[in-house]
PDB file of N, CA and C in Angstrom:
ATOM      1  N   MET A   1     116.891 136.945  96.002  1.00  0.00           N
ATOM      2  CA  MET A   1     116.009 135.883  95.438  1.00  0.00           C
ATOM      3  C   MET A   1     116.695 134.758  95.073  1.00  0.00           C
ATOM      4  N   LYS A   2     115.859 133.600  95.354  1.00  0.00           N
ATOM      5  CA  LYS A   2     116.511 132.288  95.159  1.00  0.00           C
ATOM      6  C   LYS A   2     116.383 131.707  93.851  1.00  0.00           C
ATOM      7  N   ASN A   3     117.360 130.849  93.566  1.00  0.00           N
ATOM      8  CA  ASN A   3     117.319 130.357  92.101  1.00  0.00           C
ATOM      9  C   ASN A   3     116.754 128.996  92.213  1.00  0.00           C
ATOM     10  N   PHE A   4     115.607 128.909  91.311  1.00  0.00           N
ATOM     11  CA  PHE A   4     114.920 127.601  91.379  1.00  0.00           C
ATOM     12  C   PHE A   4     115.128 126.874  90.262  1.00  0.00           C
ATOM     13  N   SER A   5     116.114 127.120  89.509  1.00  0.00           N
ATOM     14  CA  SER A   5     116.320 126.135  88.337  1.00  0.00           C
ATOM     15  C   SER A   5     116.896 124.900  88.923  1.00  0.00           C
ATOM     16  N   ARG A   6     116.695 123.999  87.972  1.00  0.00           N
ATOM     17  CA  ARG A   6     117.148 122.498  88.435  1.00  0.00           C
ATOM     18  C   ARG A   6     118.371 122.097  87.730  1.00  0.00           C
ATOM     19  N   ASP A   7     119.179 121.582  88.605  1.00  0.00           N
ATOM     20  CA  ASP A   7     120.401 121.030  88.062  1.00  0.00           C
ATOM     21  C   ASP A   7     120.748 119.547  88.325  1.00  0.00           C
ATOM     22  N   ASN A   8     122.010 118.903  88.062  1.00  0.00           N
ATOM     23  CA  ASN A   8     122.152 117.595  88.202  1.00  0.00           C
ATOM     24  C   ASN A   8     122.731 117.382  89.838  1.00  0.00           C
ATOM     25  N   ARG A   9     122.483 118.409  90.591  1.00  0.00           N
ATOM     26  CA  ARG A   9     122.884 118.147  91.861  1.00  0.00           C
ATOM     27  C   ARG A   9     121.607 117.812  92.845  1.00  0.00           C
ATOM     28  N   GLY A  10     121.448 116.658  93.442  1.00  0.00           N
ATOM     29  CA  GLY A  10     120.561 116.599  94.466  1.00  0.00           C
ATOM     30  C   GLY A  10     119.160 116.609  94.008  1.00  0.00           C
ATOM     31  N   GLY A  11     117.978 116.039  94.634  1.00  0.00           N
ATOM     32  CA  GLY A  11     116.509 116.369  94.331  1.00  0.00           C
ATOM     33  C   GLY A  11     116.040 115.920  93.157  1.00  0.00           C
ATOM     34  N   ARG A  12     116.945 115.641  91.915  1.00  0.00           N
ATOM     35  CA  ARG A  12     116.417 115.175  90.892  1.00  0.00           C
ATOM     36  C   ARG A  12     116.332 113.857  90.823  1.00  0.00           C
ATOM     37  N   ARG A  13     115.396 113.264  90.288  1.00  0.00           N
ATOM     38  CA  ARG A  13     115.184 111.866  90.104  1.00  0.00           C
ATOM     39  C   ARG A  13     115.809 111.323  88.847  1.00  0.00           C
ATOM     40  N   ASP A  14     116.519 110.368  88.674  1.00  0.00           N
ATOM     41  CA  ASP A  14     117.090 109.617  87.494  1.00  0.00           C
ATOM     42  C   ASP A  14     116.092 108.831  86.849  1.00  0.00           C
ATOM     43  N   PHE A  15     115.495 109.364  85.859  1.00  0.00           N
ATOM     44  CA  PHE A  15     114.524 108.527  85.222  1.00  0.00           C
ATOM     45  C   PHE A  15     114.941 107.726  84.302  1.00  0.00           C
ATOM     46  N   ASN A  16     116.256 107.574  83.961  1.00  0.00           N
ATOM     47  CA  ASN A  16     116.875 106.482  83.113  1.00  0.00           C
ATOM     48  C   ASN A  16     117.249 105.303  83.951  1.00  0.00           C
ATOM     49  N   ARG A  17     117.153 105.302  85.294  1.00  0.00           N
ATOM     50  CA  ARG A  17     117.481 104.197  86.124  1.00  0.00           C
ATOM     51  C   ARG A  17     116.252 103.234  86.130  1.00  0.00           C
ATOM     52  N   PRO A  18     116.426 101.858  85.984  1.00  0.00           N
ATOM     53  CA  PRO A  18     115.383 100.856  85.831  1.00  0.00           C
ATOM     54  C   PRO A  18     114.492 100.963  87.246  1.00  0.00           C
ATOM     55  N   LYS A  19     113.249 100.888  87.044  1.00  0.00           N
ATOM     56  CA  LYS A  19     112.480 100.903  88.236  1.00  0.00           C
ATOM     57  C   LYS A  19     112.418  99.405  88.743  1.00  0.00           C
ATOM     58  N   ARG A  20     112.174  99.322  90.228  1.00  0.00           N
ATOM     59  CA  ARG A  20     112.177  98.219  90.933  1.00  0.00           C
ATOM     60  C   ARG A  20     110.680  98.103  91.377  1.00  0.00           C
ATOM     61  N   ARG A  21     110.201  96.752  91.490  1.00  0.00           N
ATOM     62  CA  ARG A  21     108.841  96.361  91.879  1.00  0.00           C
ATOM     63  C   ARG A  21     108.859  96.586  93.477  1.00  0.00           C
ATOM     64  N   ASP A  22     107.818  96.897  94.138  1.00  0.00           N
ATOM     65  CA  ASP A  22     107.683  96.940  95.623  1.00  0.00           C
ATOM     66  C   ASP A  22     108.174  95.925  96.268  1.00  0.00           C
ATOM     67  N   SER A  23     107.731  94.663  95.855  1.00  0.00           N
ATOM     68  CA  SER A  23     108.377  93.327  96.628  1.00  0.00           C
ATOM     69  C   SER A  23     109.972  93.307  96.484  1.00  0.00           C
ATOM     70  N   GLU A  24     110.474  93.848  95.467  1.00  0.00           N
ATOM     71  CA  GLU A  24     112.019  93.676  95.391  1.00  0.00           C
ATOM     72  C   GLU A  24     112.552  94.852  96.319  1.00  0.00           C
ATOM     73  N   ARG A  25     112.057  95.954  96.512  1.00  0.00           N
ATOM     74  CA  ARG A  25     112.367  97.101  97.577  1.00  0.00           C
ATOM     75  C   ARG A  25     112.311  96.505  98.933  1.00  0.00           C
ATOM     76  N   SER A  26     111.067  95.979  99.151  1.00  0.00           N
ATOM     77  CA  SER A  26     110.707  95.652 100.618  1.00  0.00           C
ATOM     78  C   SER A  26     111.304  94.287 101.048  1.00  0.00           C
ATOM     79  N   GLY A  27     111.568  93.322 100.093  1.00  0.00           N
ATOM     80  CA  GLY A  27     112.160  92.138 100.567  1.00  0.00           C
ATOM     81  C   GLY A  27     111.150  91.020 100.708  1.00  0.00           C
ATOM     82  N   PHE A  28     109.788  91.130 100.538  1.00  0.00           N
ATOM     83  CA  PHE A  28     108.831  90.190 101.046  1.00  0.00           C
ATOM     84  C   PHE A  28     107.711  90.368  99.943  1.00  0.00           C
ATOM     85  N   GLU A  29     106.989  89.243  99.927  1.00  0.00           N
ATOM     86  CA  GLU A  29     105.824  89.246  98.993  1.00  0.00           C
ATOM     87  C   GLU A  29     104.582  89.583  99.888  1.00  0.00           C
ATOM     88  N   LYS A  30     103.646  90.250  99.270  1.00  0.00           N
ATOM     89  CA  LYS A  30     102.376  90.591 100.111  1.00  0.00           C
ATOM     90  C   LYS A  30     101.701  89.406 100.533  1.00  0.00           C
ATOM     91  N   GLU A  31     100.951  89.493 101.647  1.00  0.00           N
ATOM     92  CA  GLU A  31     100.107  88.357 102.009  1.00  0.00           C
ATOM     93  C   GLU A  31      98.930  88.538 101.476  1.00  0.00           C
ATOM     94  N   MET A  32      98.318  87.378 100.748  1.00  0.00           N
ATOM     95  CA  MET A  32      96.917  87.444 100.171  1.00  0.00           C
ATOM     96  C   MET A  32      95.953  86.913 101.157  1.00  0.00           C
ATOM     97  N   HIS A  33      94.644  87.340 101.098  1.00  0.00           N
ATOM     98  CA  HIS A  33      93.686  86.959 102.030  1.00  0.00           C
ATOM     99  C   HIS A  33      92.546  86.533 101.155  1.00  0.00           C
ATOM    100  N   GLU A  34      91.933  85.389 101.488  1.00  0.00           N
ATOM    101  CA  GLU A  34      90.884  84.915 100.477  1.00  0.00           C
ATOM    102  C   GLU A  34      89.611  85.426 101.190  1.00  0.00           C
ATOM    103  N   VAL A  35      88.752  85.949 100.389  1.00  0.00           N
ATOM    104  CA  VAL A  35      87.582  86.616 100.806  1.00  0.00           C
ATOM    105  C   VAL A  35      86.295  86.242  99.776  1.00  0.00           C
ATOM    106  N   THR A  36      85.200  86.677 100.180  1.00  0.00           N
ATOM    107  CA  THR A  36      84.031  86.474  99.365  1.00  0.00           C
ATOM    108  C   THR A  36      83.680  87.798  98.875  1.00  0.00           C
ATOM    109  N   CYS A  37      83.614  88.048  97.568  1.00  0.00           N
ATOM    110  CA  CYS A  37      83.299  89.401  96.953  1.00  0.00           C
ATOM    111  C   CYS A  37      81.875  89.829  97.395  1.00  0.00           C
ATOM    112  N   ASP A  38      81.813  91.108  97.995  1.00  0.00           N
ATOM    113  CA  ASP A  38      80.523  91.617  98.224  1.00  0.00           C
ATOM    114  C   ASP A  38      79.625  91.950  97.162  1.00  0.00           C
ATOM    115  N   GLY A  39      80.169  92.006  95.689  1.00  0.00           N
ATOM    116  CA  GLY A  39      79.468  92.363  94.629  1.00  0.00           C
ATOM    117  C   GLY A  39      78.888  91.359  93.982  1.00  0.00           C
ATOM    118  N   CYS A  40      79.826  90.121  93.578  1.00  0.00           N
ATOM    119  CA  CYS A  40      79.160  88.831  92.923  1.00  0.00           C
ATOM    120  C   CYS A  40      79.073  87.777  93.587  1.00  0.00           C
ATOM    121  N   GLY A  41      79.659  87.687  94.788  1.00  0.00           N
ATOM    122  CA  GLY A  41      79.666  86.456  95.704  1.00  0.00           C
ATOM    123  C   GLY A  41      80.686  85.369  95.510  1.00  0.00           C
ATOM    124  N   GLU A  42      81.612  85.747  94.606  1.00  0.00           N
ATOM    125  CA  GLU A  42      82.564  84.672  94.162  1.00  0.00           C
ATOM    126  C   GLU A  42      83.717  84.973  95.271  1.00  0.00           C
ATOM    127  N   ARG A  43      84.505  83.823  95.377  1.00  0.00           N
ATOM    128  CA  ARG A  43      85.747  83.806  96.281  1.00  0.00           C
ATOM    129  C   ARG A  43      86.807  84.403  95.458  1.00  0.00           C
ATOM    130  N   CYS A  44      87.675  85.256  96.156  1.00  0.00           N
ATOM    131  CA  CYS A  44      88.806  85.817  95.502  1.00  0.00           C
ATOM    132  C   CYS A  44      89.922  86.266  96.542  1.00  0.00           C
ATOM    133  N   LYS A  45      90.919  86.638  96.179  1.00  0.00           N
ATOM    134  CA  LYS A  45      92.184  87.005  97.043  1.00  0.00           C
ATOM    135  C   LYS A  45      92.240  88.341  96.902  1.00  0.00           C
ATOM    136  N   VAL A  46      92.660  89.104  97.873  1.00  0.00           N
ATOM    137  CA  VAL A  46      93.251  90.453  98.109  1.00  0.00           C
ATOM    138  C   VAL A  46      94.436  90.647  98.839  1.00  0.00           C
ATOM    139  N   PRO A  47      95.195  91.637  98.557  1.00  0.00           N
ATOM    140  CA  PRO A  47      96.440  91.795  99.107  1.00  0.00           C
ATOM    141  C   PRO A  47      96.353  92.686 100.337  1.00  0.00           C
ATOM    142  N   PHE A  48      95.169  92.713 101.167  1.00  0.00           N
ATOM    143  CA  PHE A  48      95.145  93.406 102.333  1.00  0.00           C
ATOM    144  C   PHE A  48      94.273  92.545 103.258  1.00  0.00           C
ATOM    145  N   ARG A  49      94.237  92.898 104.562  1.00  0.00           N
ATOM    146  CA  ARG A  49      93.539  92.111 105.648  1.00  0.00           C
ATOM    147  C   ARG A  49      92.209  92.792 105.556  1.00  0.00           C
ATOM    148  N   PRO A  50      90.926  92.317 105.313  1.00  0.00           N
ATOM    149  CA  PRO A  50      89.764  92.890 105.237  1.00  0.00           C
ATOM    150  C   PRO A  50      89.336  93.272 106.784  1.00  0.00           C
ATOM    151  N   THR A  51      88.737  94.611 106.687  1.00  0.00           N
ATOM    152  CA  THR A  51      88.108  95.112 107.943  1.00  0.00           C
ATOM    153  C   THR A  51      86.704  94.822 108.002  1.00  0.00           C
ATOM    154  N   GLU A  52      86.212  94.251 109.119  1.00  0.00           N
ATOM    155  CA  GLU A  52      85.000  93.716 109.396  1.00  0.00           C
ATOM    156  C   GLU A  52      83.931  95.041 109.321  1.00  0.00           C
ATOM    157  N   GLY A  53      82.884  94.864 108.428  1.00  0.00           N
ATOM    158  CA  GLY A  53      81.966  95.668 108.180  1.00  0.00           C
ATOM    159  C   GLY A  53      82.050  96.565 107.024  1.00  0.00           C
ATOM    160  N   LYS A  54      83.259  96.287 106.524  1.00  0.00           N
ATOM    161  CA  LYS A  54      83.457  97.074 105.088  1.00  0.00           C
ATOM    162  C   LYS A  54      83.412  96.152 103.957  1.00  0.00           C
ATOM    163  N   PRO A  55      82.895  96.517 102.913  1.00  0.00           N
ATOM    164  CA  PRO A  55      82.759  95.664 101.821  1.00  0.00           C
ATOM    165  C   PRO A  55      83.924  95.381 100.961  1.00  0.00           C
ATOM    166  N   VAL A  56      84.300  94.107 100.386  1.00  0.00           N
ATOM    167  CA  VAL A  56      85.476  93.770  99.790  1.00  0.00           C
ATOM    168  C   VAL A  56      85.115  93.333  98.552  1.00  0.00           C
ATOM    169  N   TYR A  57      85.751  93.810  97.399  1.00  0.00           N
ATOM    170  CA  TYR A  57      85.337  93.511  95.920  1.00  0.00           C
ATOM    171  C   TYR A  57      86.394  92.630  95.185  1.00  0.00           C
ATOM    172  N   CYS A  58      85.882  91.884  94.379  1.00  0.00           N
ATOM    173  CA  CYS A  58      86.919  91.296  93.581  1.00  0.00           C
ATOM    174  C   CYS A  58      87.406  92.306  92.372  1.00  0.00           C
ATOM    175  N   ASN A  59      88.377  92.032  91.540  1.00  0.00           N
ATOM    176  CA  ASN A  59      88.840  92.961  90.538  1.00  0.00           C
ATOM    177  C   ASN A  59      87.705  93.451  89.529  1.00  0.00           C
ATOM    178  N   ASP A  60      86.897  92.618  89.137  1.00  0.00           N
ATOM    179  CA  ASP A  60      85.894  92.878  88.174  1.00  0.00           C
ATOM    180  C   ASP A  60      84.714  93.841  88.944  1.00  0.00           C
ATOM    181  N   CYS A  61      84.439  93.533  90.089  1.00  0.00           N
ATOM    182  CA  CYS A  61      83.366  94.231  90.731  1.00  0.00           C
ATOM    183  C   CYS A  61      84.020  95.570  91.128  1.00  0.00           C
ATOM    184  N   PHE A  62      85.159  95.654  91.602  1.00  0.00           N
ATOM    185  CA  PHE A  62      85.906  96.988  92.044  1.00  0.00           C
ATOM    186  C   PHE A  62      86.071  97.861  90.695  1.00  0.00           C
ATOM    187  N   LYS A  63      86.298  97.409  89.725  1.00  0.00           N
ATOM    188  CA  LYS A  63      86.377  98.297  88.448  1.00  0.00           C
ATOM    189  C   LYS A  63      85.084  98.870  88.173  1.00  0.00           C
ATOM    190  N   SER A  64      83.905  98.093  88.428  1.00  0.00           N
ATOM    191  CA  SER A  64      82.663  98.353  87.936  1.00  0.00           C
ATOM    192  C   SER A  64      82.017  99.337  89.221  1.00  0.00           C
ATOM    193  N   GLY A  65      82.648  99.578  90.173  1.00  0.00           N
ATOM    194  CA  GLY A  65      82.052 100.312  91.210  1.00  0.00           C
ATOM    195  C   GLY A  65      81.347  99.417  92.205  1.00  0.00           C
ATOM    196  N   GLY A  66      81.554  98.180  92.252  1.00  0.00           N
ATOM    197  CA  GLY A  66      80.932  97.266  93.312  1.00  0.00           C
ATOM    198  C   GLY A  66      79.597  96.789  92.852  1.00  0.00           C
ATOM    199  N   ARG A  67      79.216  97.015  91.457  1.00  0.00           N
ATOM    200  CA  ARG A  67      78.027  96.603  90.938  1.00  0.00           C
ATOM    201  C   ARG A  67      78.306  95.715  89.861  1.00  0.00           C
ATOM    202  N   SER A  68      78.625  94.468  90.176  1.00  0.00           N
ATOM    203  CA  SER A  68      78.813  93.454  89.374  1.00  0.00           C
ATOM    204  C   SER A  68      77.622  92.631  88.782  1.00  0.00           C
ATOM    205  N   GLU A  69      77.290  92.694  87.345  1.00  0.00           N
ATOM    206  CA  GLU A  69      76.193  92.164  86.942  1.00  0.00           C
ATOM    207  C   GLU A  69      76.371  90.659  86.447  1.00  0.00           C
ATOM    208  N   SER A  70      77.588  90.150  86.712  1.00  0.00           N
ATOM    209  CA  SER A  70      78.039  88.985  86.179  1.00  0.00           C
ATOM    210  C   SER A  70      77.235  87.669  86.745  1.00  0.00           C
ATOM    211  N   LYS A  71      77.547  87.345  88.039  1.00  0.00           N
ATOM    212  CA  LYS A  71      76.937  86.065  88.419  1.00  0.00           C
ATOM    213  C   LYS A  71      76.006  86.299  89.615  1.00  0.00           C
ATOM    214  N   LYS A  72      76.074  87.327  90.272  1.00  0.00           N
ATOM    215  CA  LYS A  72      75.201  87.428  91.495  1.00  0.00           C
ATOM    216  C   LYS A  72      73.807  87.123  91.308  1.00  0.00           C
ATOM    217  N   PRO A  73      73.009  87.897  90.288  1.00  0.00           N
ATOM    218  CA  PRO A  73      71.574  87.709  90.018  1.00  0.00           C
ATOM    219  C   PRO A  73      71.230  86.118  89.699  1.00  0.00           C
ATOM    220  N   ASN A  74      72.187  85.724  88.642  1.00  0.00           N
ATOM    221  CA  ASN A  74      71.825  84.269  88.341  1.00  0.00           C
ATOM    222  C   ASN A  74      72.108  83.268  89.453  1.00  0.00           C
ATOM    223  N   GLN A  75      73.230  83.464  90.158  1.00  0.00           N
ATOM    224  CA  GLN A  75      73.473  82.637  91.263  1.00  0.00           C
ATOM    225  C   GLN A  75      72.346  82.695  92.346  1.00  0.00           C
ATOM    226  N   PHE A  76      71.904  83.738  92.807  1.00  0.00           N
ATOM    227  CA  PHE A  76      70.861  83.683  93.592  1.00  0.00           C
ATOM    228  C   PHE A  76      69.473  83.136  93.201  1.00  0.00           C
ATOM    229  N   LYS A  77      69.175  83.464  91.832  1.00  0.00           N
ATOM    230  CA  LYS A  77      67.994  82.927  91.375  1.00  0.00           C
ATOM    231  C   LYS A  77      68.017  81.453  91.321  1.00  0.00           C
ATOM    232  N   LYS A  78      69.070  80.836  90.883  1.00  0.00           N
ATOM    233  CA  LYS A  78      69.198  79.323  90.947  1.00  0.00           C
ATOM    234  C   LYS A  78      69.191  78.746  92.246  1.00  0.00           C
ATOM    235  N   GLU A  79      69.724  79.315  93.165  1.00  0.00           N
ATOM    236  CA  GLU A  79      69.639  78.972  94.832  1.00  0.00           C
ATOM    237  C   GLU A  79      68.183  79.049  95.254  1.00  0.00           C
ATOM    238  N   PHE A  80      67.540  80.258  94.883  1.00  0.00           N
ATOM    239  CA  PHE A  80      66.204  80.535  95.205  1.00  0.00           C
ATOM    240  C   PHE A  80      65.215  79.343  94.551  1.00  0.00           C
ATOM    241  N   GLU A  81      65.427  79.040  93.403  1.00  0.00           N
ATOM    242  CA  GLU A  81      64.609  77.918  92.618  1.00  0.00           C
ATOM    243  C   GLU A  81      64.953  76.645  93.255  1.00  0.00           C
ATOM    244  N   GLN A  82      65.959  76.407  93.904  1.00  0.00           N
ATOM    245  CA  GLN A  82      66.238  75.013  94.535  1.00  0.00           C
ATOM    246  C   GLN A  82      65.755  74.963  95.777  1.00  0.00           C
ATOM    247  N   ILE A  83      65.792  75.982  96.574  1.00  0.00           N
ATOM    248  CA  ILE A  83      65.087  76.187  98.038  1.00  0.00           C
ATOM    249  C   ILE A  83      63.469  76.007  97.827  1.00  0.00           C
ATOM    250  N   ASN A  84      62.921  76.751  96.713  1.00  0.00           N
ATOM    251  CA  ASN A  84      61.607  76.590  96.525  1.00  0.00           C
ATOM    252  C   ASN A  84      61.212  75.133  96.257  1.00  0.00           C
ATOM    253  N   SER A  85      61.936  74.482  95.384  1.00  0.00           N
ATOM    254  CA  SER A  85      61.576  73.191  94.998  1.00  0.00           C
ATOM    255  C   SER A  85      61.677  72.194  96.230  1.00  0.00           C
ATOM    256  N   LYS A  86      62.674  72.405  97.184  1.00  0.00           N
ATOM    257  CA  LYS A  86      62.644  71.537  98.220  1.00  0.00           C
ATOM    258  C   LYS A  86      61.630  71.929  99.163  1.00  0.00           C
ATOM    259  N   LEU A  87      61.224  73.141  99.457  1.00  0.00           N
ATOM    260  CA  LEU A  87      60.054  73.456 100.148  1.00  0.00           C
ATOM    261  C   LEU A  87      58.892  72.959  99.692  1.00  0.00           C
ATOM    262  N   ASP A  88      58.602  72.921  98.351  1.00  0.00           N
ATOM    263  CA  ASP A  88      57.472  72.336  97.831  1.00  0.00           C
ATOM    264  C   ASP A  88      57.340  70.805  98.035  1.00  0.00           C
ATOM    265  N   GLU A  89      58.384  70.160  97.899  1.00  0.00           N
ATOM    266  CA  GLU A  89      58.549  68.772  98.325  1.00  0.00           C
ATOM    267  C   GLU A  89      58.049  68.567  99.696  1.00  0.00           C
ATOM    268  N   ILE A  90      58.620  69.325 100.783  1.00  0.00           N
ATOM    269  CA  ILE A  90      58.323  69.235 102.127  1.00  0.00           C
ATOM    270  C   ILE A  90      56.813  69.326 102.449  1.00  0.00           C
ATOM    271  N   LEU A  91      56.261  70.529 101.823  1.00  0.00           N
ATOM    272  CA  LEU A  91      54.809  70.765 102.060  1.00  0.00           C
ATOM    273  C   LEU A  91      53.987  69.667 101.310  1.00  0.00           C
ATOM    274  N   ASP A  92      54.550  68.880 100.207  1.00  0.00           N
ATOM    275  CA  ASP A  92      53.624  67.861  99.885  1.00  0.00           C
ATOM    276  C   ASP A  92      53.636  66.633 100.698  1.00  0.00           C
ATOM    277  N   ILE A  93      54.838  66.390 101.243  1.00  0.00           N
ATOM    278  CA  ILE A  93      54.895  65.345 102.273  1.00  0.00           C
ATOM    279  C   ILE A  93      54.058  65.778 103.526  1.00  0.00           C
ATOM    280  N   LEU A  94      54.044  67.010 103.869  1.00  0.00           N
ATOM    281  CA  LEU A  94      53.279  67.367 105.108  1.00  0.00           C
ATOM    282  C   LEU A  94      51.691  67.194 104.967  1.00  0.00           C
ATOM    283  N   GLU A  95      51.363  67.598 103.613  1.00  0.00           N
ATOM    284  CA  GLU A  95      49.950  67.545 103.450  1.00  0.00           C
ATOM    285  C   GLU A  95      49.366  66.154 103.213  1.00  0.00           C
ATOM    286  N   SER A  96      50.224  65.192 102.785  1.00  0.00           N
ATOM    287  CA  SER A  96      49.778  63.996 102.578  1.00  0.00           C
ATOM    288  C   SER A  96      49.385  63.169 103.886  1.00  0.00           C
ATOM    289  N   ASP A  97      50.101  63.674 104.850  1.00  0.00           N
ATOM    290  CA  ASP A  97      49.860  62.950 106.284  1.00  0.00           C
ATOM    291  C   ASP A  97      48.628  63.351 106.814  1.00  0.00           C
TER     292      ASP A  97
END
C-alpha cells in the first residue's frame, strides 16, 4: 500500500512565498485591443484579439451577462430621434417643391 501522506519533499506548494503577477512571470504586458461593446455600444479595451462573429463585452456588460441597461437604449433612442428630425426636414423640403 502506498503512503499518500504529504511531507516537505517535492510536490508541495510553498504558500508563504509571495505571489507574482502574470506579467512578471512572462516578462511582457498583454496587448490591449480596442473594440465596441456588443452590449452597450461603448468603446472599450480587451486583453485579447476579438474573433469575428463573436460578441465582445465591456466589463460592466460582461458582469451582467451581456445585458447592459446603461446606455444602449438611451443612445439609440437619441440617435433615432435625430434621424427622424432630419427626415422630417427633408420631407418638408421635398413637399414644398
